[in-house]
Amino acid sequence: MTDNKKQKFKYGDRWFYTFIKPLLIFLIYLLYPPKVIGRENIPKEGPIVFAGNHAKWVDPEMVCAVVKKRQVHFLAKQELFKGISSIITWGMGAIPVNRKIHDHDALEYAIEALNRGLCIGIFPEGTINKTDDTIMPFKIGAVKMAEKTNATIVPFTITGDYKIFRGATIEFLKPMKVKGNLDDANKKLMDVVRKNIEKGEKENGSKN
């Protein structure tokens, strides 16, 4: 991890995020008005790993907008850190990930943030789910970083039609602590998210 990346990450903790978040909230509630369930499941302090399904490109912005009192540092593909978009991506405190490799720097970066008591956002599927399956297999990064830092995992699901001017339902589920075997914890996390998506799809009568 370079010093330059560390500097930009800390920059994302400060004034730019404070400036841009009200605009983000306005745009999300205007264009994709969300129904939010389970905010009481979000701890008010301490490190958190938000982990959930990835339905649309706007999912990270959705989560950041509806989590009112905590800044969420999402792991994002490194391509978003180039060009004009990089100003916003760095400013929001996102963490770059090289999806072509097992990016140990990204994991180290996230662990550093959690050890500082911050919040990480991650989509364990690794990319937007464009398959017919409810969710794709979860990668182990979410439970691994939570176990290393004793962070709380807050699973979330995004369900509904999720079209412009007709938003989704985002639900934060009961917090989890990672104990014991990481593979078992990862399976438990995946099952919790999958079952809640299926419940949401049944209630809404549609799939994302």
Foldseek 3Di string as FASTA:
>chain_A
DDPVLVVLLVLLVDDLQVVCLVVLLVVCCQWANEAEAALVQDDPWAEEEEEAAAADPCVVSVVQNVNPRAQEAEEDEQVCCDDPSVVVNSNSSHAYDHLVDPDVVSLVVSLVQRLVTHYYYYYQLSDHDPDPDLGHQGDLSRLVSCQVNVHKYWYKYWWDPDGTVHHTYIYTDHIDTDDDDSVVVSVVSVVVRSVVRVVRCVVRVHGD
